[in-house]
């Protein structure tokens, strides 16, 4: 899977509409209840919880699949398929969660 063409973002960026949080902007950390992204885009964060940017939902999924997990966390996939990334989970919770989403 590849990232969407940059033209896909034009319709979101030309309106410059944010989530309604007046203290949000693209270059600052956003309060948890704000996304700092125009409607239709999803905020992405690095492993330290810092806002990195806004992507379409499908690009955000792709970004999250390729981003490394923070120390002490591992990636969880449904049935071990790299196309079914579910998220980063704590190493101590991995076995129970893996068994829950991948029953034998």
Protein backbone atom coordinates (compact mmCIF):
# COMPACT_ATOMS: atom_id res chain seq x y z
CA UNK A 1 0.00 0.00 0.00
CA UNK A 2 1.26 3.51 -0.80
CA UNK A 3 0.42 6.91 0.62
CA UNK A 4 -2.31 8.85 -1.14
CA UNK A 5 -1.46 11.53 -3.68
CA UNK A 6 -0.79 14.97 -2.22
CA UNK A 7 -3.78 16.38 -4.12
CA UNK A 8 -6.06 14.42 -1.79
CA UNK A 9 -5.03 16.80 1.00
CA UNK A 10 -5.77 19.99 -0.94
CA UNK A 11 -9.49 19.95 -0.22
CA UNK A 12 -8.80 19.75 3.52
CA UNK A 13 -6.01 22.29 3.66
CA UNK A 14 -7.63 25.00 1.53
CA UNK A 15 -10.42 25.43 4.10
CA UNK A 16 -7.95 25.70 6.99
CA UNK A 17 -10.66 24.56 9.39
CA UNK A 18 -9.49 23.06 12.66
CA UNK A 19 -11.38 21.03 15.19
CA UNK A 20 -12.64 24.19 16.88
CA UNK A 21 -9.91 24.35 19.50
CA UNK A 22 -8.61 27.92 19.36
CA UNK A 23 -5.33 27.04 21.09
CA UNK A 24 -4.37 24.41 18.50
CA UNK A 25 -2.04 24.88 15.60
CA UNK A 26 0.06 22.54 13.51
CA UNK A 27 3.36 23.43 15.16
CA UNK A 28 2.36 23.12 18.80
CA UNK A 29 1.34 20.33 21.08
CA UNK A 30 -2.41 20.01 21.13
CA UNK A 31 -4.61 19.46 24.14
CA UNK A 32 -5.79 15.84 24.24
CA UNK A 33 -9.37 16.79 23.34
CA UNK A 34 -8.21 18.65 20.20
CA UNK A 35 -6.89 17.10 17.05
CA UNK A 36 -5.42 20.25 15.46
CA UNK A 37 -6.52 18.76 12.14
CA UNK A 38 -9.17 19.87 9.68
CA UNK A 39 -12.28 17.66 9.68
CA UNK A 40 -11.56 14.58 7.57
CA UNK A 41 -7.91 14.28 8.61
CA UNK A 42 -6.48 12.35 11.54
CA UNK A 43 -3.79 13.61 13.92
CA UNK A 44 -0.71 11.42 14.22
CA UNK A 45 1.66 11.43 17.17
CA UNK A 46 5.17 10.12 17.72
CA UNK A 47 6.09 7.62 20.44
CA UNK A 48 6.50 10.50 22.92
CA UNK A 49 2.93 11.66 22.30
CA UNK A 50 3.95 14.77 20.34
CA UNK A 51 1.74 15.84 17.44
CA UNK A 52 3.48 15.09 14.13
CA UNK A 53 0.88 16.11 11.58
CA UNK A 54 -2.45 15.37 9.93
CA UNK A 55 -3.11 12.53 7.51
CA UNK A 56 -6.09 10.95 5.82
CA UNK A 57 -7.39 7.94 7.76
CA UNK A 58 -5.81 5.46 5.33
CA UNK A 59 -2.46 7.28 5.39
CA UNK A 60 -2.62 7.43 9.19
CA UNK A 61 -3.09 3.64 9.26
CA UNK A 62 -0.10 3.21 6.97
CA UNK A 63 1.99 5.59 9.09
CA UNK A 64 1.08 3.78 12.30
CA UNK A 65 1.92 0.41 10.77
CA UNK A 66 5.39 1.57 9.80
CA UNK A 67 6.15 3.63 12.91
CA UNK A 68 8.17 1.90 15.63
CA UNK A 69 6.60 1.22 19.00
CA UNK A 70 7.91 2.97 22.09
CA UNK A 71 10.34 1.09 24.32
CA UNK A 72 8.57 -1.70 26.20
CA UNK A 73 5.84 -2.09 23.57
CA UNK A 74 5.43 -4.50 20.65
CA UNK A 75 3.23 -4.46 17.56
CA UNK A 76 0.07 -6.56 17.60
CA UNK A 77 -1.32 -7.97 14.36
CA UNK A 78 -4.41 -10.06 13.70
CA UNK A 79 -3.33 -13.55 12.64
CA UNK A 80 0.27 -12.33 12.27
CA UNK A 81 -0.66 -10.57 9.00
CA UNK A 82 1.31 -7.31 8.56
CA UNK A 83 -1.76 -5.80 6.83
CA UNK A 84 -3.84 -6.09 10.01
CA UNK A 85 -1.90 -3.91 12.45
CA UNK A 86 -3.93 -3.36 15.62
CA UNK A 87 -1.52 -1.20 17.59
CA UNK A 88 1.38 -1.19 20.02
CA UNK A 89 0.78 -3.07 23.26
CA UNK A 90 2.80 -3.56 26.41
CA UNK A 91 5.07 -6.60 26.36
CA UNK A 92 3.45 -7.90 29.54
CA UNK A 93 -0.02 -7.75 27.91
CA UNK A 94 0.97 -9.08 24.48
CA UNK A 95 0.28 -12.79 25.04
CA UNK A 96 -3.21 -12.25 26.46
CA UNK A 97 -4.15 -9.74 23.75
CA UNK A 98 -2.71 -11.88 20.96
CA UNK A 99 -4.72 -14.87 22.14
CA UNK A 100 -7.86 -12.70 22.40
CA UNK A 101 -7.64 -11.38 18.82
CA UNK A 102 -6.20 -14.58 17.32
CA UNK A 103 -8.16 -17.46 18.89
CA UNK A 104 -6.92 -20.92 18.08
